[in-house]
């Protein structure tokens, strides 16, 4: 029995959080005893872990950003008490905290999780840049680094991360959950007040500079010059002032009657099934986009910008356009709509088959298990 300790900031809806949940659900509980430890006792995904056999959910009850000493000492105390064989952390902040606390508690094996590619640090506060570059300096100290994308591996190597201990394990999509279901999709469209004839193009993810909602909205305006029977749905939330900036842009472009803004939802398979196209307009930072994989598993084709591993994920089933190019994005949507009009069933099936074949959650579990077993032999 391997005692596995997973460390993450919270369990709010997000890509890293989704992958942690998939990992916990999929690992063989006859071989792993799992503790999930949160900085903050928060997140919609918490309920998915409660009551699972051989899974313990803990919180460090971090009081604020600057609650460092008490928070750190509590983590060291918990690690000394539980004596995990492996500490696996997710994202830069948790990686640094996990490394320091893990070494103080003498955890045998420490694993970092890297989820991004070419992040633009100028878009975030100084702490983000400090964590990223400090990670490069300290990257010889963990025992393994798991990266979820080839682009993320290459980018972090260029920053000076110690690449000999880095392994690429792409995200895994639960294709038994994310699957085609037009009936649930129709219910969601009804909630949005969208009829069956309208085209729905979706952007799923927090309102964040890396998602480049500006290019998406400008592309929406271009597409509407060709067809008015299109709705654009955004699922995700944001902090101010970015949220207001994006909402105001949609208003200035005269798009409001064609835009639907949704808070994060837990019924994402139904949300994807309500869409005709899912699009990623990201300008930087994506590693492996969960949204692209989940949408494709639901049989929804994707039009994506060439960031991270997005082009690799969609393969020949989707369309890839340059970043920061609203004309190209609108052209990509028009081309995909033409494909769907000519043979929607074939286009949708190919998207799902690609995820089942290359990126399903069973592959994720197998590859992560290999890494863990190699560390503990």
Protein backbone atom coordinates (compact mmCIF):
# COMPACT_ATOMS: atom_id res chain seq x y z
CA UNK A 1 0.00 0.00 0.00
CA UNK A 2 1.49 3.31 -1.12
CA UNK A 3 0.60 6.30 1.06
CA UNK A 4 -0.03 9.14 -1.40
CA UNK A 5 -0.39 12.77 -0.29
CA UNK A 6 -1.90 15.20 -2.85
CA UNK A 7 -1.46 18.92 -2.21
CA UNK A 8 -3.44 21.67 -3.97
CA UNK A 9 -4.67 25.17 -3.19
CA UNK A 10 -8.42 24.40 -3.30
CA UNK A 11 -10.96 22.33 -5.19
CA UNK A 12 -12.79 25.05 -7.08
CA UNK A 13 -13.72 24.21 -10.67
CA UNK A 14 -10.56 24.18 -12.77
CA UNK A 15 -8.37 22.00 -14.97
CA UNK A 16 -5.82 20.97 -12.35
CA UNK A 17 -8.58 20.33 -9.83
CA UNK A 18 -10.50 18.19 -12.32
CA UNK A 19 -7.41 16.09 -12.98
CA UNK A 20 -6.78 15.59 -9.26
CA UNK A 21 -10.35 14.30 -8.91
CA UNK A 22 -9.89 11.92 -11.86
CA UNK A 23 -6.65 10.66 -10.34
CA UNK A 24 -8.19 10.04 -6.92
CA UNK A 25 -11.19 8.26 -8.44
CA UNK A 26 -9.10 6.12 -10.78
CA UNK A 27 -6.17 4.94 -8.64
CA UNK A 28 -6.45 1.39 -7.35
CA UNK A 29 -7.52 1.71 -3.71
CA UNK A 30 -6.00 -1.70 -2.99
CA UNK A 31 -2.61 -0.19 -3.80
CA UNK A 32 -3.01 3.43 -2.71
CA UNK A 33 -4.11 5.12 0.49
CA UNK A 34 -4.78 8.73 -0.51
CA UNK A 35 -4.83 11.99 1.43
CA UNK A 36 -5.94 15.15 -0.37
CA UNK A 37 -4.78 18.29 1.44
CA UNK A 38 -6.07 21.79 0.58
CA UNK A 39 -4.63 25.19 1.44
CA UNK A 40 -8.19 26.50 1.75
CA UNK A 41 -11.25 24.44 2.67
CA UNK A 42 -13.04 25.53 -0.48
CA UNK A 43 -14.29 24.23 -3.81
CA UNK A 44 -17.21 22.67 -5.63
CA UNK A 45 -15.25 19.44 -6.23
CA UNK A 46 -14.87 18.67 -2.50
CA UNK A 47 -18.15 16.76 -2.44
CA UNK A 48 -16.79 14.27 -5.00
CA UNK A 49 -14.18 13.03 -2.51
CA UNK A 50 -16.24 12.78 0.67
CA UNK A 51 -16.87 9.18 1.74
CA UNK A 52 -14.55 7.52 -0.77
CA UNK A 53 -12.73 4.45 0.58
CA UNK A 54 -9.04 4.98 1.40
CA UNK A 55 -9.39 8.71 0.69
CA UNK A 56 -8.99 11.38 3.39
CA UNK A 57 -9.73 15.06 2.77
CA UNK A 58 -7.86 17.61 4.92
CA UNK A 59 -7.58 21.38 4.97
CA UNK A 60 -4.73 23.52 6.25
CA UNK A 61 -7.24 26.36 6.85
CA UNK A 62 -4.91 28.99 5.42
CA UNK A 63 -6.19 32.30 6.74
CA UNK A 64 -4.77 34.59 4.03
CA UNK A 65 -2.02 34.95 1.44
CA UNK A 66 0.42 35.99 4.18
CA UNK A 67 -0.49 33.22 6.61
CA UNK A 68 2.75 31.39 5.94
CA UNK A 69 4.47 30.27 9.14
CA UNK A 70 1.46 28.77 10.95
CA UNK A 71 0.18 27.25 7.72
CA UNK A 72 3.60 25.80 6.85
CA UNK A 73 4.20 24.37 10.31
CA UNK A 74 0.80 22.71 10.27
CA UNK A 75 1.60 21.05 6.95
CA UNK A 76 4.94 19.77 8.28
CA UNK A 77 3.16 18.40 11.36
CA UNK A 78 0.55 16.59 9.23
CA UNK A 79 3.23 15.11 6.98
CA UNK A 80 5.24 13.85 9.96
CA UNK A 81 2.10 12.27 11.38
CA UNK A 82 0.89 10.59 8.17
CA UNK A 83 4.34 9.61 6.87
CA UNK A 84 3.36 9.53 3.17
CA UNK A 85 5.55 7.69 0.69
CA UNK A 86 4.88 10.28 -2.05
CA UNK A 87 3.85 13.93 -1.91
CA UNK A 88 2.41 15.07 -5.26
CA UNK A 89 1.63 18.78 -5.54
CA UNK A 90 -0.28 20.71 -8.21
CA UNK A 91 0.68 24.16 -9.58
CA UNK A 92 3.62 26.47 -8.71
CA UNK A 93 2.54 27.69 -5.26
CA UNK A 94 1.77 24.20 -4.00
CA UNK A 95 4.95 22.86 -5.60
CA UNK A 96 7.15 25.24 -3.61
CA UNK A 97 5.26 24.76 -0.34
CA UNK A 98 5.18 20.99 -0.80
CA UNK A 99 8.91 20.82 -1.52
CA UNK A 100 9.92 22.78 1.58
CA UNK A 101 7.47 21.10 3.96
CA UNK A 102 8.10 17.68 2.44
CA UNK A 103 11.84 17.90 2.91
CA UNK A 104 11.44 19.17 6.49
CA UNK A 105 9.10 16.23 7.20
CA UNK A 106 11.45 13.81 5.41
CA UNK A 107 8.88 12.59 2.87
CA UNK A 108 10.75 9.99 0.77
CA UNK A 109 9.49 11.08 -2.67
CA UNK A 110 8.30 14.51 -3.78
CA UNK A 111 6.60 15.04 -7.16
CA UNK A 112 5.74 18.35 -8.78
CA UNK A 113 2.81 18.85 -11.13
CA UNK A 114 3.20 21.42 -13.93
CA UNK A 115 0.07 22.35 -15.87
CA UNK A 116 0.97 25.39 -18.02
CA UNK A 117 3.15 26.31 -20.98
CA UNK A 118 4.33 29.80 -22.02
CA UNK A 119 2.80 31.96 -19.29
CA UNK A 120 2.89 35.74 -19.73
CA UNK A 121 3.94 36.77 -16.20
CA UNK A 122 3.25 40.46 -16.94
CA UNK A 123 -0.48 39.69 -16.78
CA UNK A 124 -0.37 38.57 -13.13
CA UNK A 125 0.94 39.77 -9.80
CA UNK A 126 4.60 39.56 -8.86
CA UNK A 127 4.10 36.51 -6.66
CA UNK A 128 3.20 34.45 -9.72
CA UNK A 129 6.49 35.30 -11.44
CA UNK A 130 8.46 34.65 -8.24
CA UNK A 131 6.90 31.18 -7.89
CA UNK A 132 7.56 30.33 -11.54
CA UNK A 133 11.22 31.35 -11.58
CA UNK A 134 11.92 30.07 -8.08
CA UNK A 135 10.61 26.75 -9.36
CA UNK A 136 13.33 26.72 -12.01
CA UNK A 137 16.01 27.33 -9.40
CA UNK A 138 14.66 24.61 -7.09
CA UNK A 139 13.67 22.08 -9.76
CA UNK A 140 16.59 19.74 -9.03
CA UNK A 141 15.19 19.06 -5.56
CA UNK A 142 11.95 17.11 -6.24
CA UNK A 143 12.27 13.47 -7.24
CA UNK A 144 10.03 13.76 -10.30
CA UNK A 145 8.15 16.44 -12.25
CA UNK A 146 4.97 15.49 -14.12
CA UNK A 147 4.06 17.86 -16.96
CA UNK A 148 0.68 17.60 -18.67
CA UNK A 149 1.82 18.79 -22.12
CA UNK A 150 4.76 18.60 -24.51
CA UNK A 151 4.63 22.38 -24.88
CA UNK A 152 4.83 22.75 -21.11
CA UNK A 153 7.90 20.51 -21.01
CA UNK A 154 9.69 22.54 -23.69
CA UNK A 155 8.78 25.89 -22.13
CA UNK A 156 9.91 24.94 -18.63
CA UNK A 157 13.14 23.52 -20.02
CA UNK A 158 13.76 26.92 -21.62
CA UNK A 159 13.26 28.55 -18.20
CA UNK A 160 15.94 26.33 -16.71
CA UNK A 161 13.84 23.62 -15.11
CA UNK A 162 15.76 20.40 -14.53
CA UNK A 163 14.44 18.34 -17.41
CA UNK A 164 16.02 14.96 -16.67
CA UNK A 165 13.36 14.26 -14.03
CA UNK A 166 10.45 15.60 -16.11
CA UNK A 167 7.83 13.25 -17.55
CA UNK A 168 4.92 14.16 -19.83
CA UNK A 169 1.59 12.63 -18.83
CA UNK A 170 -1.31 14.25 -20.75
CA UNK A 171 -4.58 14.94 -18.99
CA UNK A 172 -7.17 12.19 -18.99
CA UNK A 173 -10.84 12.69 -19.83
CA UNK A 174 -13.53 10.51 -18.26
CA UNK A 175 -15.31 9.45 -21.44
CA UNK A 176 -17.99 7.61 -19.48
CA UNK A 177 -19.08 10.97 -18.02
CA UNK A 178 -18.25 13.25 -20.93
CA UNK A 179 -20.22 11.71 -23.77
CA UNK A 180 -22.77 12.73 -26.42
CA UNK A 181 -26.25 13.30 -25.03
CA UNK A 182 -28.40 15.60 -27.14
CA UNK A 183 -31.35 15.38 -24.77
CA UNK A 184 -29.52 16.97 -21.81
CA UNK A 185 -28.02 19.48 -24.23
CA UNK A 186 -31.48 20.53 -25.37
CA UNK A 187 -32.52 21.14 -21.75
CA UNK A 188 -29.58 23.49 -21.24
CA UNK A 189 -30.34 25.33 -24.50
CA UNK A 190 -33.89 25.76 -23.23
CA UNK A 191 -32.52 27.29 -20.00
CA UNK A 192 -30.55 29.74 -22.12
CA UNK A 193 -33.60 30.55 -24.26
CA UNK A 194 -31.94 29.26 -27.44
CA UNK A 195 -34.01 27.49 -30.07
CA UNK A 196 -32.97 24.40 -32.02
CA UNK A 197 -32.11 26.32 -35.19
CA UNK A 198 -29.58 28.67 -33.63
CA UNK A 199 -25.85 27.96 -33.75
CA UNK A 200 -24.14 27.95 -30.35
CA UNK A 201 -20.40 28.60 -30.06
CA UNK A 202 -18.98 28.27 -26.56
CA UNK A 203 -15.95 29.44 -24.62
CA UNK A 204 -15.52 27.59 -21.32
CA UNK A 205 -13.08 28.74 -18.66
CA UNK A 206 -12.47 31.51 -16.18
CA UNK A 207 -12.34 35.06 -17.51
CA UNK A 208 -8.57 35.43 -17.46
CA UNK A 209 -6.15 37.30 -19.75
CA UNK A 210 -4.68 34.03 -21.05
CA UNK A 211 -8.11 33.03 -22.46
CA UNK A 212 -8.13 36.16 -24.67
CA UNK A 213 -11.83 36.90 -24.60
CA UNK A 214 -11.08 40.09 -26.54
CA UNK A 215 -10.15 38.17 -29.70
CA UNK A 216 -13.15 35.87 -29.22
CA UNK A 217 -15.57 38.80 -28.95
CA UNK A 218 -14.13 40.57 -31.99
CA UNK A 219 -14.39 37.31 -33.95
CA UNK A 220 -18.01 37.02 -32.83
CA UNK A 221 -18.73 40.43 -34.32
CA UNK A 222 -17.15 39.35 -37.61
CA UNK A 223 -19.15 36.11 -37.78
CA UNK A 224 -22.39 37.96 -37.05
CA UNK A 225 -21.85 40.00 -40.21
CA UNK A 226 -22.37 36.73 -42.11
CA UNK A 227 -25.06 35.15 -39.95
CA UNK A 228 -27.25 36.60 -37.21
CA UNK A 229 -28.55 33.22 -36.01
CA UNK A 230 -25.57 32.60 -33.72
CA UNK A 231 -25.28 32.69 -29.93
CA UNK A 232 -22.01 32.85 -28.05
CA UNK A 233 -21.97 31.27 -24.59
CA UNK A 234 -19.33 31.95 -21.93
CA UNK A 235 -19.09 29.65 -18.91
CA UNK A 236 -16.77 30.88 -16.17
CA UNK A 237 -16.21 33.70 -13.72
CA UNK A 238 -13.53 36.30 -13.09
CA UNK A 239 -12.16 38.82 -10.67
CA UNK A 240 -12.43 42.53 -11.24
CA UNK A 241 -11.40 44.62 -13.10
CA UNK A 242 -10.95 42.08 -15.93
CA UNK A 243 -14.55 40.90 -15.74
CA UNK A 244 -15.97 44.39 -16.22
CA UNK A 245 -13.53 45.12 -19.03
CA UNK A 246 -14.72 42.08 -21.00
CA UNK A 247 -18.41 42.72 -20.31
CA UNK A 248 -18.00 46.33 -21.41
CA UNK A 249 -16.21 45.25 -24.59
CA UNK A 250 -19.14 43.02 -25.55
CA UNK A 251 -21.46 45.97 -24.99
CA UNK A 252 -19.32 48.37 -27.06
CA UNK A 253 -19.21 45.88 -29.94
CA UNK A 254 -23.02 45.70 -29.90
CA UNK A 255 -23.01 41.96 -29.22
CA UNK A 256 -25.06 41.74 -26.04
CA UNK A 257 -28.19 40.20 -27.57
CA UNK A 258 -26.01 37.39 -28.93
CA UNK A 259 -23.99 36.77 -25.72
CA UNK A 260 -24.86 34.53 -22.77
CA UNK A 261 -22.73 34.69 -19.63
CA UNK A 262 -22.85 31.74 -17.20
CA UNK A 263 -21.24 31.17 -13.84
CA UNK A 264 -19.17 27.96 -13.52
CA UNK A 265 -21.46 24.93 -13.60
CA UNK A 266 -21.17 21.37 -12.34
CA UNK A 267 -23.19 19.86 -15.19
CA UNK A 268 -20.51 20.39 -17.82
CA UNK A 269 -21.35 17.33 -19.98
CA UNK A 270 -24.80 18.86 -20.50
CA UNK A 271 -23.29 22.28 -21.21
CA UNK A 272 -20.97 20.90 -23.91
CA UNK A 273 -23.86 18.98 -25.47
CA UNK A 274 -25.76 22.25 -25.78
CA UNK A 275 -23.04 23.68 -28.03
CA UNK A 276 -22.34 23.18 -31.72
CA UNK A 277 -18.70 24.31 -31.51
CA UNK A 278 -16.41 24.79 -28.53
CA UNK A 279 -13.63 27.28 -29.07
CA UNK A 280 -10.40 28.10 -27.26
CA UNK A 281 -9.05 31.56 -28.08
CA UNK A 282 -6.17 31.44 -25.59
CA UNK A 283 -3.14 33.62 -26.35
CA UNK A 284 -0.65 31.92 -24.00
CA UNK A 285 -0.27 29.64 -21.03
CA UNK A 286 -2.36 26.61 -21.98
CA UNK A 287 -0.73 23.24 -21.42
CA UNK A 288 -3.33 20.56 -22.00
CA UNK A 289 -6.78 22.15 -22.14
CA UNK A 290 -9.33 20.02 -20.28
CA UNK A 291 -12.11 21.96 -21.97
CA UNK A 292 -11.01 20.90 -25.45
CA UNK A 293 -10.76 17.24 -24.42
CA UNK A 294 -14.08 17.25 -22.57
CA UNK A 295 -15.93 18.91 -25.44
CA UNK A 296 -14.49 16.47 -27.98
CA UNK A 297 -15.46 13.53 -25.75
CA UNK A 298 -19.02 14.87 -25.93
CA UNK A 299 -18.77 14.84 -29.72
CA UNK A 300 -18.42 18.61 -30.02
CA UNK A 301 -15.77 19.74 -32.54
CA UNK A 302 -13.34 22.46 -31.54
CA UNK A 303 -11.77 25.51 -33.16
CA UNK A 304 -8.66 26.43 -31.20
CA UNK A 305 -5.71 28.78 -31.25
CA UNK A 306 -2.24 27.32 -31.64
CA UNK A 307 -1.24 27.47 -27.97
CA UNK A 308 0.13 24.71 -25.78
CA UNK A 309 -0.88 21.25 -26.96
CA UNK A 310 -4.25 22.39 -28.35
CA UNK A 311 -3.36 21.54 -31.97
CA UNK A 312 -2.08 18.13 -30.88
CA UNK A 313 -5.28 17.38 -28.97
CA UNK A 314 -7.70 18.19 -31.80
CA UNK A 315 -5.56 16.56 -34.50
CA UNK A 316 -7.51 16.39 -37.73
CA UNK A 317 -10.88 16.57 -35.98
CA UNK A 318 -10.81 20.31 -35.37
CA UNK A 319 -9.38 23.52 -36.76
CA UNK A 320 -6.35 25.45 -35.51
CA UNK A 321 -5.85 29.19 -36.03
CA UNK A 322 -3.15 31.71 -35.02
CA UNK A 323 -3.37 33.55 -31.71
CA UNK A 324 -4.65 37.15 -31.44
CA UNK A 325 -6.30 36.93 -34.87
CA UNK A 326 -10.04 37.52 -34.76
CA UNK A 327 -10.41 37.25 -38.55
CA UNK A 328 -8.76 33.81 -38.54
CA UNK A 329 -10.90 32.67 -35.61
CA UNK A 330 -14.11 33.76 -37.35
CA UNK A 331 -12.93 31.98 -40.54
CA UNK A 332 -12.29 28.86 -38.47
CA UNK A 333 -15.84 28.94 -37.15
CA UNK A 334 -17.26 29.36 -40.65
CA UNK A 335 -15.21 26.42 -41.94
CA UNK A 336 -16.29 24.22 -39.04
CA UNK A 337 -19.94 25.12 -39.55
CA UNK A 338 -19.56 24.12 -43.19
CA UNK A 339 -18.12 20.75 -42.10
CA UNK A 340 -21.02 20.22 -39.73
CA UNK A 341 -23.56 21.08 -42.41
CA UNK A 342 -21.97 18.58 -44.81
CA UNK A 343 -21.55 15.68 -42.36
CA UNK A 344 -22.14 16.49 -38.72
CA UNK A 345 -22.24 12.88 -37.51
CA UNK A 346 -18.82 12.02 -38.94
CA UNK A 347 -17.26 15.22 -37.58
CA UNK A 348 -18.68 14.65 -34.10
CA UNK A 349 -17.73 10.95 -33.99
CA UNK A 350 -14.14 11.63 -35.02
CA UNK A 351 -13.73 14.12 -32.17
CA UNK A 352 -14.93 11.63 -29.56
CA UNK A 353 -12.92 8.72 -30.96
CA UNK A 354 -9.72 10.77 -30.78
CA UNK A 355 -10.18 11.40 -27.05
CA UNK A 356 -11.08 7.77 -26.33
CA UNK A 357 -8.01 6.59 -28.24
CA UNK A 358 -5.42 9.05 -26.95
CA UNK A 359 -6.58 10.97 -23.89
CA UNK A 360 -9.04 8.97 -21.80
CA UNK A 361 -8.69 8.87 -18.01
CA UNK A 362 -7.62 5.21 -17.98
CA UNK A 363 -4.44 6.16 -19.84
CA UNK A 364 -3.80 8.94 -17.29
CA UNK A 365 -4.14 6.52 -14.38
CA UNK A 366 -1.85 3.94 -15.99
CA UNK A 367 0.89 6.48 -16.72
CA UNK A 368 0.75 8.16 -13.30
CA UNK A 369 0.78 4.77 -11.59
CA UNK A 370 3.93 3.86 -13.53
CA UNK A 371 5.64 7.01 -12.25
CA UNK A 372 4.63 6.31 -8.64
CA UNK A 373 5.71 2.66 -8.76
CA UNK A 374 9.06 3.59 -10.28
CA UNK A 375 9.67 6.04 -7.42
CA UNK A 376 8.80 3.54 -4.69
CA UNK A 377 10.63 0.45 -5.99
